Amino acid sequence: MPRVVVDVMPKPEILDPQGKAVLGALPRLGFTGVTDVRQGKRFELELAGEITDETLEQVRLMAETLLSNPVIEDFVVHLPETEPSQVSAR
């Protein structure tokens, strides 16, 4: 079955307390060199049939209406084999 991935991240101007908590914990665990952490969500959707432009548009609409909060989050729709920036960003 074909798969489409939706990556959801807080918009850059939105505070990310979960990311800050991870950033604070890393040095305590002995990890150094990380200067920032942003935490997001990843959805992998298995679809029936072939992936077409119309299918990708439907997934984009799913991401906009259910999988993300467009007020505070950005999302990217892509195929697992491709870099997120190569298919569709919001």
C-alpha atoms as a PDB file:
ATOM      1  CA  MET A   1       0.000   0.000   0.000  1.00  0.00           C
ATOM      2  CA  PRO A   2       1.301   3.471  -0.808  1.00  0.00           C
ATOM      3  CA  ARG A   3       2.147   5.724   2.100  1.00  0.00           C
ATOM      4  CA  VAL A   4       2.084   9.496   2.540  1.00  0.00           C
ATOM      5  CA  VAL A   5       3.753  11.296   5.458  1.00  0.00           C
ATOM      6  CA  VAL A   6       2.542  14.469   7.159  1.00  0.00           C
ATOM      7  CA  ASP A   7       5.074  16.225   9.395  1.00  0.00           C
ATOM      8  CA  VAL A   8       3.595  18.847  11.734  1.00  0.00           C
ATOM      9  CA  MET A   9       5.754  21.384  13.594  1.00  0.00           C
ATOM     10  CA  PRO A  10       4.996  24.435  15.725  1.00  0.00           C
ATOM     11  CA  LYS A  11       5.389  27.657  13.774  1.00  0.00           C
ATOM     12  CA  PRO A  12       8.759  29.327  14.446  1.00  0.00           C
ATOM     13  CA  GLU A  13       7.179  32.183  16.392  1.00  0.00           C
ATOM     14  CA  ILE A  14       5.277  29.813  18.719  1.00  0.00           C
ATOM     15  CA  LEU A  15       6.903  28.846  22.021  1.00  0.00           C
ATOM     16  CA  ASP A  16       7.689  25.127  22.260  1.00  0.00           C
ATOM     17  CA  PRO A  17       7.812  24.106  25.945  1.00  0.00           C
ATOM     18  CA  GLN A  18       8.270  20.417  25.089  1.00  0.00           C
ATOM     19  CA  GLY A  19      11.253  21.232  22.901  1.00  0.00           C
ATOM     20  CA  LYS A  20      12.715  23.433  25.642  1.00  0.00           C
ATOM     21  CA  ALA A  21      12.301  20.611  28.176  1.00  0.00           C
ATOM     22  CA  VAL A  22      14.175  18.216  25.887  1.00  0.00           C
ATOM     23  CA  LEU A  23      16.865  20.850  25.299  1.00  0.00           C
ATOM     24  CA  GLY A  24      17.326  21.225  29.052  1.00  0.00           C
ATOM     25  CA  ALA A  25      17.485  17.461  29.645  1.00  0.00           C
ATOM     26  CA  LEU A  26      20.103  16.670  27.000  1.00  0.00           C
ATOM     27  CA  PRO A  27      23.107  18.178  28.850  1.00  0.00           C
ATOM     28  CA  ARG A  28      22.009  16.508  32.089  1.00  0.00           C
ATOM     29  CA  LEU A  29      22.171  13.202  30.242  1.00  0.00           C
ATOM     30  CA  GLY A  30      25.640  13.940  28.913  1.00  0.00           C
ATOM     31  CA  PHE A  31      24.716  15.118  25.406  1.00  0.00           C
ATOM     32  CA  THR A  32      26.368  18.358  24.303  1.00  0.00           C
ATOM     33  CA  GLY A  33      26.334  20.597  21.262  1.00  0.00           C
ATOM     34  CA  VAL A  34      22.565  20.844  20.738  1.00  0.00           C
ATOM     35  CA  THR A  35      21.523  24.498  20.580  1.00  0.00           C
ATOM     36  CA  ASP A  36      17.759  24.176  19.985  1.00  0.00           C
ATOM     37  CA  VAL A  37      15.015  21.545  19.914  1.00  0.00           C
ATOM     38  CA  ARG A  38      11.553  21.794  18.353  1.00  0.00           C
ATOM     39  CA  GLN A  39       9.125  18.944  18.928  1.00  0.00           C
ATOM     40  CA  GLY A  40       6.462  18.037  16.397  1.00  0.00           C
ATOM     41  CA  LYS A  41       4.254  15.216  15.159  1.00  0.00           C
ATOM     42  CA  ARG A  42       4.565  12.743  12.288  1.00  0.00           C
ATOM     43  CA  PHE A  43       1.615  10.988  10.673  1.00  0.00           C
ATOM     44  CA  GLU A  44       2.057   8.106   8.224  1.00  0.00           C
ATOM     45  CA  LEU A  45      -1.060   7.456   6.162  1.00  0.00           C
ATOM     46  CA  GLU A  46      -1.453   4.247   4.169  1.00  0.00           C
ATOM     47  CA  LEU A  47      -3.725   4.848   1.213  1.00  0.00           C
ATOM     48  CA  ALA A  48      -5.730   2.591  -1.054  1.00  0.00           C
ATOM     49  CA  GLY A  49      -4.885   2.905  -4.724  1.00  0.00           C
ATOM     50  CA  GLU A  50      -2.324   5.003  -6.521  1.00  0.00           C
ATOM     51  CA  ILE A  51      -0.988   8.303  -5.203  1.00  0.00           C
ATOM     52  CA  THR A  52      -2.036  11.094  -7.531  1.00  0.00           C
ATOM     53  CA  ASP A  53      -2.032  14.870  -7.306  1.00  0.00           C
ATOM     54  CA  GLU A  54      -5.673  14.654  -6.203  1.00  0.00           C
ATOM     55  CA  THR A  55      -4.752  12.176  -3.456  1.00  0.00           C
ATOM     56  CA  LEU A  56      -1.989  14.461  -2.193  1.00  0.00           C
ATOM     57  CA  GLU A  57      -4.438  17.375  -2.178  1.00  0.00           C
ATOM     58  CA  GLN A  58      -6.866  15.301  -0.080  1.00  0.00           C
ATOM     59  CA  VAL A  59      -4.079  14.526   2.395  1.00  0.00           C
ATOM     60  CA  ARG A  60      -3.185  18.227   2.505  1.00  0.00           C
ATOM     61  CA  LEU A  61      -6.814  19.004   3.372  1.00  0.00           C
ATOM     62  CA  MET A  62      -6.749  16.294   6.073  1.00  0.00           C
ATOM     63  CA  ALA A  63      -3.615  17.876   7.521  1.00  0.00           C
ATOM     64  CA  GLU A  64      -5.131  21.342   7.452  1.00  0.00           C
ATOM     65  CA  THR A  65      -8.457  20.356   9.038  1.00  0.00           C
ATOM     66  CA  LEU A  66      -7.585  17.540  11.467  1.00  0.00           C
ATOM     67  CA  LEU A  67      -3.906  16.659  11.778  1.00  0.00           C
ATOM     68  CA  SER A  68      -2.642  20.174  12.532  1.00  0.00           C
ATOM     69  CA  ASN A  69      -3.780  23.409  14.101  1.00  0.00           C
ATOM     70  CA  PRO A  70      -3.030  25.889  11.287  1.00  0.00           C
ATOM     71  CA  VAL A  71      -3.049  28.816  13.725  1.00  0.00           C
ATOM     72  CA  ILE A  72       0.048  27.577  15.576  1.00  0.00           C
ATOM     73  CA  GLU A  73       1.459  24.759  13.411  1.00  0.00           C
ATOM     74  CA  ASP A  74       2.920  24.300   9.941  1.00  0.00           C
ATOM     75  CA  PHE A  75       2.793  21.008   8.086  1.00  0.00           C
ATOM     76  CA  VAL A  76       4.505  19.297   5.180  1.00  0.00           C
ATOM     77  CA  VAL A  77       3.000  16.496   3.097  1.00  0.00           C
ATOM     78  CA  HIS A  78       5.471  14.194   1.387  1.00  0.00           C
ATOM     79  CA  LEU A  79       6.161  10.660   0.254  1.00  0.00           C
ATOM     80  CA  PRO A  80       8.458   8.650   2.554  1.00  0.00           C
ATOM     81  CA  GLU A  81      11.158   8.444  -0.151  1.00  0.00           C
ATOM     82  CA  THR A  82      11.339  12.209  -0.645  1.00  0.00           C
ATOM     83  CA  GLU A  83      12.592  15.096   1.414  1.00  0.00           C
ATOM     84  CA  PRO A  84       9.676  17.019   2.972  1.00  0.00           C
ATOM     85  CA  SER A  85      10.566  20.226   1.142  1.00  0.00           C
ATOM     86  CA  GLN A  86      10.283  18.508  -2.245  1.00  0.00           C
ATOM     87  CA  VAL A  87       6.551  17.821  -2.269  1.00  0.00           C
ATOM     88  CA  SER A  88       4.192  20.157  -0.451  1.00  0.00           C
ATOM     89  CA  ALA A  89       4.643  22.599   2.376  1.00  0.00           C
ATOM     90  CA  ARG A  90       2.145  24.873   4.043  1.00  0.00           C
END
